[in-house]
């Protein structure tokens, strides 16, 4: 979907045109790469000196990044028409509608933007409330402490013959537990109320790594070509301030080593040459290049011109790598319907799955998915293979053949009569 009217999207477009990485632009204007990533995804407002600094670094006029309200309005109306299921003829009348009724057009576009924002918020909160480990631990601490206070208070009220020594002990326990309850509650409130700042865009080691990879556009030219790259990787990890925890550096090291191995075995130039002849068909490319399909999927995701996404999971089904793509939402934790092709490949090692899916809800993206699971290392005797499943997401142009409809999670999926539903949707009537 076009979103050219958003300042963050314009900044990203200009940066890509200038062949600048997120990390390089962020360094030039004095902010963290993770904060610039939030700006480019329109999750942070921008103006004043920061906007001037970015415009100066990109060598464009600030108006280039902020103007275009009319085009934005028309694009928003067309997206609204598409999501409402109007015909292409009706969608093409968006410009006429905006010209004849600009006030009503602004109201309609503003309402749609508000709905998008609310749906995105619900999606994020649903994922967070269901899977945030810190939130779960905090709630467990609160409930456990409250239960201890209730038990002690019950003993004091119901037992009339307590000796003074025991009564004093119970009073001390009440004081200690109430203090712990107060501290836990304050910590939880601070965690929920905290605004994610420029230097704290990630909340877990996995998110630290994802922010680091996104800030570099998932491209690391220093790891292309023949190795060894061990020293280069260690230097990159030491010099990267956004990887604050040892766990994040451990995960990043595994990811960078995989990127280096793939780069050494299959260069992007060689892949582009085969792509011109074979097209984006992973099986045909794998045969032409004499490479495993899994590696071809990962390398295709590294080509910026394809605007492809990539999901990788281990044998347990845990997602270990995510390269996001507009229109495809995957919760950070747990399984969801959009990963069906990935899990289908995991259950059939070596089989190559091709599935077109259409994600319901806010984005309504259409994607051609290719998935395969392959051993991560040479297999030993009489031992099950250590598998890794890879799924490539290629956007399908508008008007393509419909795919299997899937929702991000059951809790926010609008499909009412789904036999795979595990819980009611908050979007359904009567819930």
Protein backbone atom coordinates (compact mmCIF):
# COMPACT_ATOMS: atom_id res chain seq x y z
CA UNK A 1 0.00 0.00 0.00
CA UNK A 2 1.33 3.49 -0.81
CA UNK A 3 2.18 5.63 2.23
CA UNK A 4 4.18 8.34 0.55
CA UNK A 5 2.49 11.09 2.55
CA UNK A 6 4.06 10.06 5.82
CA UNK A 7 7.22 11.97 6.72
CA UNK A 8 8.99 8.89 8.07
CA UNK A 9 8.32 6.95 4.89
CA UNK A 10 9.66 9.86 2.82
CA UNK A 11 12.82 9.93 4.92
CA UNK A 12 13.35 6.22 4.35
CA UNK A 13 12.73 6.61 0.61
CA UNK A 14 15.26 9.46 0.32
CA UNK A 15 17.81 7.56 2.43
CA UNK A 16 17.54 4.48 0.22
CA UNK A 17 17.86 6.66 -2.88
CA UNK A 18 21.06 8.10 -1.40
CA UNK A 19 22.38 4.55 -0.70
CA UNK A 20 22.70 5.37 3.01
CA UNK A 21 22.26 2.80 5.76
CA UNK A 22 20.09 3.65 8.73
CA UNK A 23 23.11 3.42 11.01
CA UNK A 24 25.11 5.89 8.88
CA UNK A 25 22.30 8.47 8.72
CA UNK A 26 21.61 8.14 12.44
CA UNK A 27 25.28 8.68 13.23
CA UNK A 28 25.38 11.77 11.00
CA UNK A 29 22.48 13.47 12.80
CA UNK A 30 23.41 12.36 16.31
CA UNK A 31 20.63 9.89 17.23
CA UNK A 32 20.56 6.13 17.65
CA UNK A 33 19.81 3.89 14.70
CA UNK A 34 16.95 2.28 16.61
CA UNK A 35 15.27 5.68 17.09
CA UNK A 36 15.68 6.51 13.39
CA UNK A 37 14.09 3.13 12.64
CA UNK A 38 11.03 4.18 14.67
CA UNK A 39 10.88 7.52 12.80
CA UNK A 40 11.03 5.82 9.40
CA UNK A 41 8.17 3.52 10.38
CA UNK A 42 6.12 6.58 11.40
CA UNK A 43 6.14 5.58 15.08
CA UNK A 44 7.73 8.82 16.26
CA UNK A 45 6.75 12.38 15.36
CA UNK A 46 9.45 14.56 13.89
CA UNK A 47 9.93 18.27 13.41
CA UNK A 48 12.07 21.26 14.28
CA UNK A 49 15.83 20.88 14.40
CA UNK A 50 15.80 17.10 13.94
CA UNK A 51 13.86 17.42 10.69
CA UNK A 52 16.29 20.10 9.48
CA UNK A 53 19.26 17.89 10.41
CA UNK A 54 17.84 14.93 8.51
CA UNK A 55 17.04 17.08 5.48
CA UNK A 56 20.58 18.47 5.55
CA UNK A 57 22.13 15.00 5.80
CA UNK A 58 19.99 13.80 2.88
CA UNK A 59 20.72 17.01 0.93
CA UNK A 60 17.05 17.82 0.33
CA UNK A 61 14.77 20.68 1.30
CA UNK A 62 12.72 20.06 4.48
CA UNK A 63 9.55 20.68 2.47
CA UNK A 64 10.40 17.63 0.38
CA UNK A 65 9.92 15.51 3.49
CA UNK A 66 6.78 17.21 4.80
CA UNK A 67 4.74 18.43 1.81
CA UNK A 68 2.31 16.45 -0.28
CA UNK A 69 -0.84 16.57 1.85
CA UNK A 70 -3.12 16.36 -1.19
CA UNK A 71 -1.36 13.29 -2.52
CA UNK A 72 -1.50 11.79 0.95
CA UNK A 73 -5.22 12.44 1.18
CA UNK A 74 -5.93 10.80 -2.17
CA UNK A 75 -3.75 7.81 -1.28
CA UNK A 76 -5.59 7.42 2.04
CA UNK A 77 -8.96 7.52 0.27
CA UNK A 78 -7.86 4.88 -2.21
CA UNK A 79 -6.63 2.63 0.59
CA UNK A 80 -9.94 3.09 2.40
CA UNK A 81 -11.82 2.16 -0.77
CA UNK A 82 -9.66 -0.92 -1.25
CA UNK A 83 -10.17 -2.09 2.34
CA UNK A 84 -13.93 -1.51 2.03
CA UNK A 85 -14.00 -3.76 -1.04
CA UNK A 86 -15.07 -1.06 -3.50
CA UNK A 87 -14.46 -1.63 -7.18
CA UNK A 88 -11.43 -0.22 -8.96
CA UNK A 89 -13.72 2.23 -10.74
CA UNK A 90 -14.94 3.64 -7.44
CA UNK A 91 -11.41 3.78 -6.05
CA UNK A 92 -10.29 5.79 -9.07
CA UNK A 93 -12.82 8.50 -8.14
CA UNK A 94 -10.90 9.33 -4.95
CA UNK A 95 -9.29 12.37 -6.56
CA UNK A 96 -12.65 13.67 -7.75
CA UNK A 97 -14.14 13.18 -4.28
CA UNK A 98 -11.23 15.00 -2.61
CA UNK A 99 -11.58 17.88 -5.04
CA UNK A 100 -15.36 18.31 -4.69
CA UNK A 101 -15.66 17.61 -0.96
CA UNK A 102 -12.27 18.33 0.64
CA UNK A 103 -13.72 18.66 4.13
CA UNK A 104 -15.52 15.32 4.05
CA UNK A 105 -12.48 13.73 2.42
CA UNK A 106 -10.29 14.88 5.32
CA UNK A 107 -12.83 13.51 7.81
CA UNK A 108 -12.90 10.13 6.05
CA UNK A 109 -9.11 9.93 5.75
CA UNK A 110 -8.65 11.02 9.37
CA UNK A 111 -11.11 8.39 10.58
CA UNK A 112 -9.32 5.72 8.63
CA UNK A 113 -5.94 6.78 10.06
CA UNK A 114 -7.44 6.70 13.55
CA UNK A 115 -8.76 3.19 12.96
CA UNK A 116 -5.35 2.09 11.67
CA UNK A 117 -3.70 3.51 14.78
CA UNK A 118 -6.19 1.85 17.12
CA UNK A 119 -5.88 -1.53 15.38
CA UNK A 120 -2.10 -1.31 15.53
CA UNK A 121 -2.30 -0.47 19.24
CA UNK A 122 -4.66 -3.36 19.94
CA UNK A 123 -2.39 -5.70 17.98
CA UNK A 124 0.69 -4.61 19.91
CA UNK A 125 -1.03 -4.73 23.31
CA UNK A 126 -2.51 -8.15 22.60
CA UNK A 127 0.91 -9.52 21.77
CA UNK A 128 2.47 -7.80 24.77
CA UNK A 129 -0.15 -8.88 27.32
CA UNK A 130 -0.10 -12.44 26.07
CA UNK A 131 3.64 -12.98 25.77
CA UNK A 132 5.70 -10.27 27.49
CA UNK A 133 7.88 -12.27 29.94
CA UNK A 134 8.58 -9.24 32.15
CA UNK A 135 4.88 -8.44 32.43
CA UNK A 136 4.04 -12.06 33.23
CA UNK A 137 6.72 -12.24 35.93
CA UNK A 138 5.57 -8.93 37.44
CA UNK A 139 1.95 -10.05 37.58
CA UNK A 140 3.01 -13.35 39.18
CA UNK A 141 4.98 -11.43 41.81
CA UNK A 142 2.01 -9.17 42.55
CA UNK A 143 -0.46 -12.03 42.90
CA UNK A 144 1.91 -14.13 45.03
CA UNK A 145 2.60 -11.25 47.40
CA UNK A 146 -1.09 -10.34 47.65
CA UNK A 147 -1.93 -13.97 48.47
CA UNK A 148 0.72 -14.00 51.23
CA UNK A 149 -0.69 -10.80 52.76
CA UNK A 150 -4.22 -12.21 52.59
CA UNK A 151 -3.13 -15.42 54.31
CA UNK A 152 -1.30 -13.60 57.14
CA UNK A 153 -4.17 -11.18 57.69
CA UNK A 154 -6.62 -14.09 57.83
CA UNK A 155 -4.58 -15.77 60.56
CA UNK A 156 -4.47 -12.57 62.62
CA UNK A 157 -8.22 -12.03 62.32
CA UNK A 158 -9.40 -15.60 62.88
CA UNK A 159 -6.97 -16.67 65.63
CA UNK A 160 -7.92 -14.99 68.90
CA UNK A 161 -5.40 -16.74 71.16
CA UNK A 162 -2.11 -15.86 69.41
CA UNK A 163 0.79 -15.30 71.74
CA UNK A 164 2.35 -11.81 71.56
CA UNK A 165 5.57 -13.23 70.11
CA UNK A 166 3.75 -14.87 67.17
CA UNK A 167 1.52 -11.85 66.66
CA UNK A 168 4.61 -9.66 66.36
CA UNK A 169 6.07 -12.04 63.78
CA UNK A 170 2.89 -11.93 61.69
CA UNK A 171 2.84 -8.15 61.92
CA UNK A 172 6.46 -8.08 60.71
CA UNK A 173 5.53 -10.38 57.82
CA UNK A 174 2.65 -8.09 56.87
CA UNK A 175 4.95 -5.10 56.89
CA UNK A 176 7.57 -6.87 54.77
CA UNK A 177 5.06 -8.28 52.27
CA UNK A 178 3.20 -4.98 51.93
CA UNK A 179 6.49 -3.21 51.23
CA UNK A 180 7.33 -5.79 48.56
CA UNK A 181 3.85 -5.44 47.07
CA UNK A 182 4.21 -1.65 46.90
CA UNK A 183 7.62 -1.88 45.25
CA UNK A 184 6.40 -4.46 42.72
CA UNK A 185 3.37 -2.34 41.86
CA UNK A 186 5.48 0.77 41.36
CA UNK A 187 7.89 -1.14 39.15
CA UNK A 188 5.05 -2.54 37.05
CA UNK A 189 3.40 0.88 36.65
CA UNK A 190 6.73 2.41 35.64
CA UNK A 191 7.26 -0.36 33.10
CA UNK A 192 3.80 0.09 31.58
CA UNK A 193 3.95 3.88 31.58
CA UNK A 194 7.50 4.19 30.31
CA UNK A 195 7.87 5.90 26.96
CA UNK A 196 10.30 4.12 24.71
CA UNK A 197 13.09 6.62 24.26
CA UNK A 198 15.70 7.07 21.54
CA UNK A 199 18.15 4.79 23.33
CA UNK A 200 15.68 2.09 24.40
CA UNK A 201 13.74 0.88 21.40
CA UNK A 202 14.06 -2.78 22.35
CA UNK A 203 12.73 -4.61 25.37
CA UNK A 204 14.38 -8.04 25.08
CA UNK A 205 17.60 -9.50 23.64
CA UNK A 206 15.73 -10.73 20.56
CA UNK A 207 14.26 -7.26 20.02
CA UNK A 208 17.70 -5.67 20.47
CA UNK A 209 19.00 -7.87 17.65
CA UNK A 210 15.98 -7.15 15.44
CA UNK A 211 16.44 -3.39 15.92
CA UNK A 212 20.15 -3.72 15.14
CA UNK A 213 19.49 -5.69 11.95
CA UNK A 214 16.71 -3.31 10.83
CA UNK A 215 18.95 -0.29 11.44
CA UNK A 216 21.43 -1.79 8.98
CA UNK A 217 18.71 -2.74 6.46
CA UNK A 218 19.69 -6.39 7.03
CA UNK A 219 22.75 -5.72 4.85
CA UNK A 220 26.33 -6.11 6.00
CA UNK A 221 28.74 -5.47 3.15
CA UNK A 222 31.67 -6.33 5.43
CA UNK A 223 30.43 -9.94 5.55
CA UNK A 224 30.13 -10.42 1.79
CA UNK A 225 32.72 -12.50 -0.03
CA UNK A 226 35.12 -15.17 1.17
CA UNK A 227 35.94 -15.38 4.87
CA UNK A 228 36.99 -15.93 7.50
CA UNK A 229 34.91 -13.26 9.20
CA UNK A 230 35.16 -14.24 12.87
CA UNK A 231 37.33 -11.26 13.80
CA UNK A 232 35.13 -8.89 11.78
CA UNK A 233 31.99 -10.14 13.51
CA UNK A 234 33.53 -9.79 16.98
CA UNK A 235 34.63 -6.25 16.17
CA UNK A 236 31.13 -5.38 14.90
CA UNK A 237 29.59 -6.69 18.12
CA UNK A 238 32.01 -4.80 20.35
CA UNK A 239 31.48 -1.53 18.47
CA UNK A 240 27.66 -1.74 18.39
CA UNK A 241 26.16 0.19 21.35
CA UNK A 242 22.58 -0.96 20.72
CA UNK A 243 23.47 -4.57 21.62
CA UNK A 244 23.59 -3.93 25.34
CA UNK A 245 23.09 -7.39 26.83
CA UNK A 246 25.32 -10.48 26.54
CA UNK A 247 22.28 -12.44 25.35
CA UNK A 248 21.68 -9.98 22.50
CA UNK A 249 25.32 -10.19 21.42
CA UNK A 250 25.13 -13.99 21.53
CA UNK A 251 22.04 -14.03 19.28
CA UNK A 252 23.54 -11.42 16.95
CA UNK A 253 26.73 -13.46 16.65
CA UNK A 254 24.74 -16.49 15.46
CA UNK A 255 22.82 -14.39 12.93
CA UNK A 256 25.94 -12.68 11.56
CA UNK A 257 27.76 -15.99 11.21
CA UNK A 258 24.84 -17.35 9.20
CA UNK A 259 24.88 -14.25 6.99
CA UNK A 260 28.62 -14.64 6.48
CA UNK A 261 28.31 -18.32 5.53
CA UNK A 262 25.55 -17.54 3.06
CA UNK A 263 27.51 -14.64 1.59
CA UNK A 264 30.63 -16.76 1.12
CA UNK A 265 28.67 -19.51 -0.66
CA UNK A 266 26.40 -17.31 -2.80
CA UNK A 267 27.20 -13.71 -3.66
CA UNK A 268 24.41 -11.24 -4.29
CA UNK A 269 25.83 -10.40 -7.73
CA UNK A 270 25.71 -14.04 -8.75
CA UNK A 271 22.17 -14.32 -7.38
CA UNK A 272 21.06 -11.22 -9.30
CA UNK A 273 22.44 -12.69 -12.51
CA UNK A 274 20.46 -15.89 -12.03
CA UNK A 275 17.40 -13.88 -11.00
CA UNK A 276 17.34 -12.10 -14.36
CA UNK A 277 17.23 -15.45 -16.15
CA UNK A 278 15.05 -17.54 -13.82
CA UNK A 279 12.85 -14.96 -12.11
CA UNK A 280 12.06 -15.14 -8.37
CA UNK A 281 11.46 -18.91 -8.40
CA UNK A 282 13.48 -20.37 -5.49
CA UNK A 283 13.54 -23.91 -6.88
CA UNK A 284 14.70 -22.81 -10.33
CA UNK A 285 17.32 -20.55 -8.75
CA UNK A 286 18.56 -23.33 -6.46
CA UNK A 287 19.02 -25.66 -9.41
CA UNK A 288 20.72 -23.03 -11.55
CA UNK A 289 23.07 -21.99 -8.73
CA UNK A 290 23.56 -25.48 -7.25
CA UNK A 291 22.65 -24.19 -3.80
CA UNK A 292 20.28 -25.41 -1.08
CA UNK A 293 16.81 -23.89 -1.32
CA UNK A 294 17.04 -22.57 2.25
CA UNK A 295 20.13 -20.53 1.41
CA UNK A 296 18.49 -19.18 -1.73
CA UNK A 297 15.50 -18.05 0.34
CA UNK A 298 17.74 -16.24 2.82
CA UNK A 299 19.79 -14.56 0.08
CA UNK A 300 16.70 -13.45 -1.83
CA UNK A 301 15.55 -11.71 1.33
CA UNK A 302 18.84 -9.78 1.34
CA UNK A 303 18.07 -8.16 -2.05
CA UNK A 304 16.53 -4.73 -1.29
CA UNK A 305 14.85 -4.51 -4.70
CA UNK A 306 12.58 -7.47 -3.89
CA UNK A 307 11.28 -5.90 -0.66
CA UNK A 308 10.89 -9.44 0.68
CA UNK A 309 10.43 -10.66 4.24
CA UNK A 310 12.02 -13.65 5.92
CA UNK A 311 11.03 -15.75 8.93
CA UNK A 312 13.33 -18.41 10.39
CA UNK A 313 12.42 -20.85 13.17
CA UNK A 314 14.19 -23.71 14.92
CA UNK A 315 13.02 -27.29 15.35
CA UNK A 316 10.95 -26.31 18.41
CA UNK A 317 8.99 -23.82 16.30
CA UNK A 318 10.48 -20.76 18.03
CA UNK A 319 11.02 -17.82 15.67
CA UNK A 320 14.73 -16.97 15.71
CA UNK A 321 14.88 -14.40 12.89
CA UNK A 322 12.36 -11.94 11.48
CA UNK A 323 12.81 -9.56 8.59
CA UNK A 324 9.57 -7.63 8.57
CA UNK A 325 7.71 -6.56 5.48
CA UNK A 326 4.80 -4.12 5.22
CA UNK A 327 1.48 -5.94 5.33
CA UNK A 328 2.67 -9.05 7.16
CA UNK A 329 2.33 -9.08 10.92
CA UNK A 330 3.89 -11.78 13.09
CA UNK A 331 3.72 -11.67 16.91
CA UNK A 332 7.10 -11.74 18.59
CA UNK A 333 6.22 -14.85 20.55
CA UNK A 334 4.22 -17.96 19.80
CA UNK A 335 2.63 -19.44 16.71
CA UNK A 336 0.12 -17.79 14.43
CA UNK A 337 -1.73 -18.58 11.22
CA UNK A 338 0.61 -16.64 8.89
CA UNK A 339 3.35 -19.12 9.84
CA UNK A 340 1.45 -22.16 8.60
CA UNK A 341 3.71 -22.64 5.54
CA UNK A 342 6.76 -22.45 7.83
CA UNK A 343 5.44 -25.11 10.19
CA UNK A 344 4.28 -27.25 7.26
CA UNK A 345 7.87 -27.25 6.00
CA UNK A 346 9.14 -28.06 9.49
CA UNK A 347 6.93 -31.15 9.56
CA UNK A 348 8.19 -32.30 6.14
CA UNK A 349 11.99 -31.90 6.12
CA UNK A 350 13.25 -31.30 2.60
CA UNK A 351 9.79 -30.60 1.14
CA UNK A 352 9.44 -27.19 -0.51
CA UNK A 353 6.18 -25.47 0.39
CA UNK A 354 4.63 -22.82 -1.85
CA UNK A 355 1.56 -21.06 -0.48
CA UNK A 356 -0.14 -17.77 -1.25
CA UNK A 357 -1.64 -16.14 1.82
CA UNK A 358 -3.71 -13.02 2.40
CA UNK A 359 -3.39 -11.47 5.85
CA UNK A 360 -6.62 -10.10 7.23
CA UNK A 361 -7.02 -6.99 9.31
CA UNK A 362 -5.28 -3.65 9.13
CA UNK A 363 -2.67 -4.34 6.45
CA UNK A 364 -4.47 -6.84 4.21
CA UNK A 365 -1.25 -7.85 2.49
CA UNK A 366 -1.02 -10.55 -0.18
CA UNK A 367 2.15 -12.66 -0.24
CA UNK A 368 3.61 -15.65 -2.00
CA UNK A 369 5.33 -17.75 0.65
CA UNK A 370 8.09 -20.27 0.02
CA UNK A 371 9.23 -22.43 2.92
CA UNK A 372 11.66 -25.28 3.47
CA UNK A 373 13.34 -26.92 6.45
CA UNK A 374 16.88 -28.23 6.21
CA UNK A 375 19.51 -29.55 8.65
CA UNK A 376 21.58 -26.88 10.36
CA UNK A 377 24.61 -29.15 10.67
CA UNK A 378 25.82 -32.56 9.40
CA UNK A 379 23.71 -35.31 10.91
CA UNK A 380 25.13 -38.02 13.19
CA UNK A 381 24.27 -41.70 13.25
CA UNK A 382 20.82 -42.64 14.61
CA UNK A 383 20.15 -39.04 15.66
CA UNK A 384 17.30 -36.80 14.54
CA UNK A 385 18.43 -33.87 12.37
CA UNK A 386 18.72 -30.43 13.93
CA UNK A 387 16.36 -28.60 11.59
CA UNK A 388 15.95 -24.96 10.70
CA UNK A 389 12.94 -23.78 8.71
CA UNK A 390 13.06 -20.72 6.43
CA UNK A 391 10.10 -18.88 4.90
CA UNK A 392 10.46 -16.18 2.23
CA UNK A 393 7.64 -13.64 1.82
CA UNK A 394 7.33 -12.07 -1.63
CA UNK A 395 4.69 -9.31 -1.98
CA UNK A 396 2.14 -10.05 -4.70
CA UNK A 397 1.14 -7.09 -6.90
CA UNK A 398 -2.36 -5.75 -6.38
CA UNK A 399 -4.90 -7.70 -8.37
CA UNK A 400 -3.12 -11.04 -8.01
CA UNK A 401 -4.87 -14.33 -7.35
CA UNK A 402 -6.33 -14.34 -3.81
CA UNK A 403 -4.58 -16.39 -1.17
CA UNK A 404 -5.57 -18.34 1.92
CA UNK A 405 -6.96 -15.77 4.41
CA UNK A 406 -5.10 -15.73 7.73
CA UNK A 407 -5.12 -13.45 10.76
CA UNK A 408 -2.21 -12.24 12.87
CA UNK A 409 -3.65 -13.78 16.06
CA UNK A 410 -7.05 -15.22 16.95
CA UNK A 411 -7.63 -12.40 19.42
CA UNK A 412 -7.66 -9.73 16.70
CA UNK A 413 -8.70 -11.79 13.66
CA UNK A 414 -11.96 -10.60 12.02
CA UNK A 415 -12.70 -13.98 10.38
CA UNK A 416 -15.73 -15.18 12.34
CA UNK A 417 -16.23 -18.73 11.06
CA UNK A 418 -12.70 -20.12 11.25
CA UNK A 419 -12.41 -23.79 12.28
CA UNK A 420 -8.86 -23.15 13.54
CA UNK A 421 -9.90 -20.44 16.01
CA UNK A 422 -8.50 -20.98 19.52
CA UNK A 423 -10.11 -18.02 21.31
CA UNK A 424 -12.78 -15.38 20.62
CA UNK A 425 -11.84 -12.24 18.74
CA UNK A 426 -12.31 -8.87 20.35
CA UNK A 427 -13.36 -7.64 16.90
CA UNK A 428 -16.36 -9.98 16.73
CA UNK A 429 -19.82 -8.85 17.67
CA UNK A 430 -20.89 -9.79 21.17
CA UNK A 431 -17.39 -10.35 22.64
